[in-house]
Amino acid sequence: MVTKEKLYDTFGELIYVLAMADGVIQHEEVEVLEEIVRSHPNAEDIQWSFNYEKDHHNDPEQLYTNVIDICYENGPDPEYQFLIDILEKVAAASQGITAREEEVIHNFSHDLIVRFRADLEKLENQ
């Protein structure tokens, strides 16, 4: 089972992946993220994780795989909508949402749904 702290750390990782989609993290993206997470009870975990990834320049592709694995392990969660809202706002912060940023947002939703559906099909076939 995934702890809520780990889940929110994972949110910060995906926000980093999104911000790096165009190759560089814009100042406006960071400002929007900071503004959004101020009102969230787990803001510290999200912000800390984003900053950690930004400071350590970790591989976005590897992080994305980790994010999907952790969210899949966590299972369906209403907080994913909060995450998608953050992703859209951060992506729009600097010159609108690019095709690559849109792809990250779409792939996140799609990849989780595919995994969850596969589990449902296994259950139905038992």
C-alpha atoms as a PDB file:
ATOM      1  CA  MET A   1       0.000   0.000   0.000  1.00  0.00           C
ATOM      2  CA  VAL A   2       1.223   3.457  -0.906  1.00  0.00           C
ATOM      3  CA  THR A   3       1.303   6.048   1.867  1.00  0.00           C
ATOM      4  CA  LYS A   4      -0.280   9.426   1.183  1.00  0.00           C
ATOM      5  CA  GLU A   5       3.145  11.017   1.665  1.00  0.00           C
ATOM      6  CA  LYS A   6       4.595   8.821  -1.099  1.00  0.00           C
ATOM      7  CA  LEU A   7       1.631   9.552  -3.346  1.00  0.00           C
ATOM      8  CA  TYR A   8       2.142  13.296  -2.982  1.00  0.00           C
ATOM      9  CA  ASP A   9       5.887  12.899  -3.532  1.00  0.00           C
ATOM     10  CA  THR A  10       4.922  11.173  -6.762  1.00  0.00           C
ATOM     11  CA  PHE A  11       2.739  14.142  -7.709  1.00  0.00           C
ATOM     12  CA  GLY A  12       5.793  16.391  -7.411  1.00  0.00           C
ATOM     13  CA  GLU A  13       7.736  14.016  -9.652  1.00  0.00           C
ATOM     14  CA  LEU A  14       5.065  14.121 -12.370  1.00  0.00           C
ATOM     15  CA  ILE A  15       4.863  17.898 -12.190  1.00  0.00           C
ATOM     16  CA  TYR A  16       8.627  17.954 -12.725  1.00  0.00           C
ATOM     17  CA  VAL A  17       8.249  15.620 -15.736  1.00  0.00           C
ATOM     18  CA  LEU A  18       5.622  17.948 -17.169  1.00  0.00           C
ATOM     19  CA  ALA A  19       7.696  21.076 -16.557  1.00  0.00           C
ATOM     20  CA  MET A  20      10.663  19.434 -18.298  1.00  0.00           C
ATOM     21  CA  ALA A  21       8.574  18.356 -21.303  1.00  0.00           C
ATOM     22  CA  ASP A  22       9.834  21.321 -23.310  1.00  0.00           C
ATOM     23  CA  GLY A  23      13.393  20.935 -22.037  1.00  0.00           C
ATOM     24  CA  VAL A  24      13.472  23.665 -19.410  1.00  0.00           C
ATOM     25  CA  ILE A  25      11.480  24.633 -16.326  1.00  0.00           C
ATOM     26  CA  GLN A  26      10.078  28.135 -16.719  1.00  0.00           C
ATOM     27  CA  HIS A  27       9.873  30.530 -13.796  1.00  0.00           C
ATOM     28  CA  GLU A  28       6.126  30.958 -14.401  1.00  0.00           C
ATOM     29  CA  GLU A  29       5.587  27.206 -13.991  1.00  0.00           C
ATOM     30  CA  VAL A  30       7.310  27.237 -10.613  1.00  0.00           C
ATOM     31  CA  GLU A  31       5.278  30.252  -9.469  1.00  0.00           C
ATOM     32  CA  VAL A  32       1.975  28.637 -10.439  1.00  0.00           C
ATOM     33  CA  LEU A  33       2.929  25.404  -8.689  1.00  0.00           C
ATOM     34  CA  GLU A  34       3.857  27.258  -5.504  1.00  0.00           C
ATOM     35  CA  GLU A  35       0.585  29.190  -5.592  1.00  0.00           C
ATOM     36  CA  ILE A  36      -1.528  26.048  -6.106  1.00  0.00           C
ATOM     37  CA  VAL A  37       0.085  23.900  -3.442  1.00  0.00           C
ATOM     38  CA  ARG A  38      -0.154  26.596  -0.765  1.00  0.00           C
ATOM     39  CA  SER A  39      -3.795  25.690  -0.300  1.00  0.00           C
ATOM     40  CA  HIS A  40      -3.288  21.918  -0.251  1.00  0.00           C
ATOM     41  CA  PRO A  41      -2.781  20.060   3.046  1.00  0.00           C
ATOM     42  CA  ASN A  42       0.060  17.998   1.551  1.00  0.00           C
ATOM     43  CA  ALA A  43       1.738  20.909  -0.181  1.00  0.00           C
ATOM     44  CA  GLU A  44       5.066  20.293   1.540  1.00  0.00           C
ATOM     45  CA  ASP A  45       5.411  16.800   0.063  1.00  0.00           C
ATOM     46  CA  ILE A  46       4.466  17.926  -3.443  1.00  0.00           C
ATOM     47  CA  GLN A  47       6.732  20.980  -3.401  1.00  0.00           C
ATOM     48  CA  TRP A  48       9.642  19.147  -1.786  1.00  0.00           C
ATOM     49  CA  SER A  49       9.521  16.371  -4.360  1.00  0.00           C
ATOM     50  CA  PHE A  50       9.326  18.794  -7.298  1.00  0.00           C
ATOM     51  CA  ASN A  51      12.269  20.789  -5.948  1.00  0.00           C
ATOM     52  CA  TYR A  52      14.280  17.622  -5.326  1.00  0.00           C
ATOM     53  CA  GLU A  53      13.822  16.440  -8.905  1.00  0.00           C
ATOM     54  CA  LYS A  54      14.585  19.911 -10.255  1.00  0.00           C
ATOM     55  CA  ASP A  55      17.787  20.162  -8.198  1.00  0.00           C
ATOM     56  CA  HIS A  56      18.976  16.654  -9.077  1.00  0.00           C
ATOM     57  CA  HIS A  57      18.029  16.734 -12.790  1.00  0.00           C
ATOM     58  CA  ASN A  58      16.635  13.215 -12.696  1.00  0.00           C
ATOM     59  CA  ASP A  59      15.608  11.483 -15.919  1.00  0.00           C
ATOM     60  CA  PRO A  60      11.997  12.442 -16.744  1.00  0.00           C
ATOM     61  CA  GLU A  61      11.293   9.168 -18.573  1.00  0.00           C
ATOM     62  CA  GLN A  62      12.411   7.066 -15.631  1.00  0.00           C
ATOM     63  CA  LEU A  63      10.460   9.287 -13.238  1.00  0.00           C
ATOM     64  CA  TYR A  64       7.345   8.956 -15.388  1.00  0.00           C
ATOM     65  CA  THR A  65       7.577   5.164 -15.230  1.00  0.00           C
ATOM     66  CA  ASN A  66       7.955   5.388 -11.451  1.00  0.00           C
ATOM     67  CA  VAL A  67       4.940   7.707 -11.195  1.00  0.00           C
ATOM     68  CA  ILE A  68       2.728   5.295 -13.133  1.00  0.00           C
ATOM     69  CA  ASP A  69       3.908   2.362 -11.012  1.00  0.00           C
ATOM     70  CA  ILE A  70       3.237   4.172  -7.721  1.00  0.00           C
ATOM     71  CA  CYS A  71      -0.176   5.468  -8.814  1.00  0.00           C
ATOM     72  CA  TYR A  72      -1.104   2.014 -10.082  1.00  0.00           C
ATOM     73  CA  GLU A  73      -0.046   0.469  -6.793  1.00  0.00           C
ATOM     74  CA  ASN A  74      -2.086   3.112  -4.965  1.00  0.00           C
ATOM     75  CA  GLY A  75      -5.162   2.299  -7.036  1.00  0.00           C
ATOM     76  CA  PRO A  76      -7.967   4.634  -8.045  1.00  0.00           C
ATOM     77  CA  ASP A  77      -7.898   7.829  -6.029  1.00  0.00           C
ATOM     78  CA  PRO A  78      -9.914  11.065  -6.251  1.00  0.00           C
ATOM     79  CA  GLU A  79      -6.662  13.001  -5.750  1.00  0.00           C
ATOM     80  CA  TYR A  80      -5.670  12.187  -9.344  1.00  0.00           C
ATOM     81  CA  GLN A  81      -8.129  14.849 -10.498  1.00  0.00           C
ATOM     82  CA  PHE A  82      -6.320  17.364  -8.270  1.00  0.00           C
ATOM     83  CA  LEU A  83      -3.047  16.288  -9.892  1.00  0.00           C
ATOM     84  CA  ILE A  84      -4.429  16.669 -13.414  1.00  0.00           C
ATOM     85  CA  ASP A  85      -5.718  20.136 -12.506  1.00  0.00           C
ATOM     86  CA  ILE A  86      -2.232  21.102 -11.291  1.00  0.00           C
ATOM     87  CA  LEU A  87      -0.637  19.692 -14.442  1.00  0.00           C
ATOM     88  CA  GLU A  88      -2.954  21.712 -16.667  1.00  0.00           C
ATOM     89  CA  LYS A  89      -2.377  24.937 -14.725  1.00  0.00           C
ATOM     90  CA  VAL A  90       1.404  24.504 -14.631  1.00  0.00           C
ATOM     91  CA  ALA A  91       1.495  23.664 -18.345  1.00  0.00           C
ATOM     92  CA  ALA A  92      -0.584  26.730 -19.217  1.00  0.00           C
ATOM     93  CA  ALA A  93       1.562  29.052 -17.078  1.00  0.00           C
ATOM     94  CA  SER A  94       4.172  29.751 -19.712  1.00  0.00           C
ATOM     95  CA  GLN A  95       2.981  30.455 -23.246  1.00  0.00           C
ATOM     96  CA  GLY A  96       0.122  27.963 -23.084  1.00  0.00           C
ATOM     97  CA  ILE A  97       0.110  24.185 -23.134  1.00  0.00           C
ATOM     98  CA  THR A  98       2.553  22.728 -25.640  1.00  0.00           C
ATOM     99  CA  ALA A  99       1.906  19.516 -27.567  1.00  0.00           C
ATOM    100  CA  ARG A 100       4.482  17.695 -25.454  1.00  0.00           C
ATOM    101  CA  GLU A 101       2.916  18.898 -22.203  1.00  0.00           C
ATOM    102  CA  GLU A 102      -0.520  17.850 -23.441  1.00  0.00           C
ATOM    103  CA  GLU A 103       0.959  14.450 -24.256  1.00  0.00           C
ATOM    104  CA  VAL A 104       2.289  14.034 -20.695  1.00  0.00           C
ATOM    105  CA  ILE A 105      -1.117  14.892 -19.220  1.00  0.00           C
ATOM    106  CA  HIS A 106      -2.979  12.609 -21.627  1.00  0.00           C
ATOM    107  CA  ASN A 107      -0.539   9.724 -21.212  1.00  0.00           C
ATOM    108  CA  PHE A 108      -0.780   9.847 -17.433  1.00  0.00           C
ATOM    109  CA  SER A 109      -4.544   9.383 -17.507  1.00  0.00           C
ATOM    110  CA  HIS A 110      -4.447   6.876 -20.319  1.00  0.00           C
ATOM    111  CA  ASP A 111      -1.669   4.714 -18.880  1.00  0.00           C
ATOM    112  CA  LEU A 112      -3.414   4.383 -15.520  1.00  0.00           C
ATOM    113  CA  ILE A 113      -6.773   3.586 -17.087  1.00  0.00           C
ATOM    114  CA  VAL A 114      -5.214   0.880 -19.261  1.00  0.00           C
ATOM    115  CA  ARG A 115      -3.645  -0.768 -16.214  1.00  0.00           C
ATOM    116  CA  PHE A 116      -6.815  -0.559 -14.153  1.00  0.00           C
ATOM    117  CA  ARG A 117      -8.907  -1.994 -17.018  1.00  0.00           C
ATOM    118  CA  ALA A 118      -6.509  -4.891 -17.435  1.00  0.00           C
ATOM    119  CA  ASP A 119      -7.004  -5.733 -13.761  1.00  0.00           C
ATOM    120  CA  LEU A 120     -10.778  -5.587 -14.167  1.00  0.00           C
ATOM    121  CA  GLU A 121     -10.631  -7.908 -17.164  1.00  0.00           C
ATOM    122  CA  LYS A 122      -8.552 -10.400 -15.179  1.00  0.00           C
ATOM    123  CA  LEU A 123     -11.143 -10.344 -12.403  1.00  0.00           C
ATOM    124  CA  GLU A 124     -14.013 -10.795 -14.853  1.00  0.00           C
ATOM    125  CA  ASN A 125     -12.287 -13.786 -16.476  1.00  0.00           C
ATOM    126  CA  GLN A 126     -11.779 -15.677 -13.233  1.00  0.00           C
END
